[in-house]
Amino acid sequence: MATENQVRKVARDCSLVFNALGDPNRQDILIMLETEGPLNVLQITERLNLARPTISHHLKILSNAGLLKSTKKSREIFYESEWSDASKNLKKFMKLLWDC
């Protein structure tokens, strides 16, 4: 059985993901990247009708949460959704909660 401290530690590890997923614009970005493949900031900006600095801010939060991977091609950076690390942590968190 998991202790309260174990659950708390894993929850803290997941907090960046929870924060990132809590914003509808970031949810839209992730869905777009998942369905449309790699996109750069300009392409995301055009689809969401948000300012470029706003998109960059959201991409930074998603990247810090481990939900994006980026690839530089020429002068552009293309972003893709990346779920493997986040899903492992979230699964671990849910399992610990379930075991409590």
Protein backbone atom coordinates (compact mmCIF):
# COMPACT_ATOMS: atom_id res chain seq x y z
CA MET A 1 0.00 0.00 0.00
CA ALA A 2 1.32 3.43 -0.94
CA THR A 3 1.98 5.97 1.75
CA GLU A 4 0.60 9.47 1.69
CA ASN A 5 4.12 10.81 1.12
CA GLN A 6 4.63 8.54 -1.89
CA VAL A 7 1.38 9.72 -3.44
CA ARG A 8 2.24 13.35 -2.67
CA LYS A 9 5.68 13.03 -4.34
CA VAL A 10 4.25 11.52 -7.51
CA ALA A 11 1.49 14.15 -7.56
CA ARG A 12 4.14 16.87 -7.37
CA ASP A 13 5.97 15.19 -10.26
CA CYS A 14 2.73 15.39 -12.26
CA SER A 15 1.90 18.98 -11.33
CA LEU A 16 3.51 20.49 -14.45
CA VAL A 17 1.37 18.19 -16.60
CA PHE A 18 -1.78 19.06 -14.65
CA ASN A 19 -1.01 22.76 -15.03
CA ALA A 20 -0.27 22.44 -18.74
CA LEU A 21 -3.47 20.51 -19.43
CA GLY A 22 -5.58 22.95 -17.44
CA ASP A 23 -5.67 25.61 -20.15
CA PRO A 24 -8.06 25.23 -23.13
CA ASN A 25 -5.59 26.84 -25.55
CA ARG A 26 -2.88 24.36 -24.56
CA GLN A 27 -5.39 21.54 -24.93
CA ASP A 28 -6.16 22.83 -28.44
CA ILE A 29 -2.45 22.97 -29.28
CA LEU A 30 -1.89 19.39 -28.14
CA ILE A 31 -4.92 18.12 -30.04
CA MET A 32 -3.79 19.99 -33.14
CA LEU A 33 -0.27 18.59 -32.92
CA GLU A 34 -1.60 15.11 -32.33
CA THR A 35 -3.96 15.20 -35.31
CA GLU A 36 -2.02 17.35 -37.78
CA GLY A 37 1.55 16.34 -37.04
CA PRO A 38 4.57 18.59 -36.58
CA LEU A 39 3.80 22.31 -36.82
CA ASN A 40 5.83 25.46 -36.28
CA VAL A 41 4.77 28.51 -34.26
CA LEU A 42 3.45 30.36 -37.31
CA GLN A 43 1.28 27.42 -38.38
CA ILE A 44 -0.13 27.06 -34.86
CA THR A 45 -0.73 30.83 -34.67
CA GLU A 46 -2.68 30.81 -37.94
CA ARG A 47 -4.90 27.93 -36.82
CA LEU A 48 -5.70 29.28 -33.36
CA ASN A 49 -5.85 32.97 -34.16
CA LEU A 50 -3.71 33.87 -31.14
CA ALA A 51 -0.69 36.16 -31.03
CA ARG A 52 2.69 34.58 -31.69
CA PRO A 53 4.04 35.48 -28.21
CA THR A 54 0.97 33.83 -26.67
CA ILE A 55 1.55 30.65 -28.66
CA SER A 56 5.25 30.68 -27.69
CA HIS A 57 4.27 31.03 -24.03
CA HIS A 58 1.91 28.04 -24.28
CA LEU A 59 4.54 25.97 -26.09
CA LYS A 60 7.05 26.72 -23.35
CA ILE A 61 4.64 25.50 -20.66
CA LEU A 62 3.86 22.35 -22.65
CA SER A 63 7.56 21.72 -23.25
CA ASN A 64 8.41 22.19 -19.57
CA ALA A 65 5.71 19.65 -18.74
CA GLY A 66 7.32 17.14 -21.11
CA LEU A 67 4.34 17.13 -23.46
CA LEU A 68 6.19 18.33 -26.57
CA LYS A 69 9.22 17.45 -28.56
CA SER A 70 10.78 19.85 -31.01
CA THR A 71 12.85 19.47 -34.13
CA LYS A 72 14.76 22.28 -35.78
CA LYS A 73 14.56 22.35 -39.57
CA SER A 74 16.48 25.19 -41.14
CA ARG A 75 15.44 28.25 -39.13
CA GLU A 76 12.11 26.88 -37.95
CA ILE A 77 11.30 24.74 -34.95
CA PHE A 78 8.57 22.16 -35.43
CA TYR A 79 6.63 20.82 -32.45
CA GLU A 80 5.02 17.44 -31.92
CA SER A 81 3.06 16.07 -29.01
CA GLU A 82 5.00 13.73 -26.72
CA TRP A 83 3.06 11.70 -24.19
CA SER A 84 5.39 8.89 -23.10
CA ASP A 85 6.97 10.44 -19.98
CA ALA A 86 3.83 12.25 -18.90
CA SER A 87 1.67 9.16 -19.32
CA LYS A 88 4.10 7.06 -17.26
CA ASN A 89 3.96 9.56 -14.40
CA LEU A 90 0.18 9.90 -14.62
CA LYS A 91 -0.28 6.12 -14.64
CA LYS A 92 1.96 5.82 -11.61
CA PHE A 93 -0.04 8.53 -9.83
CA MET A 94 -3.36 6.85 -10.63
CA LYS A 95 -2.06 3.46 -9.50
CA LEU A 96 -0.86 4.89 -6.18
CA LEU A 97 -4.23 6.55 -5.64
CA TRP A 98 -6.03 3.33 -6.51
CA ASP A 99 -3.84 1.36 -4.09
CA CYS A 100 -4.68 3.77 -1.25
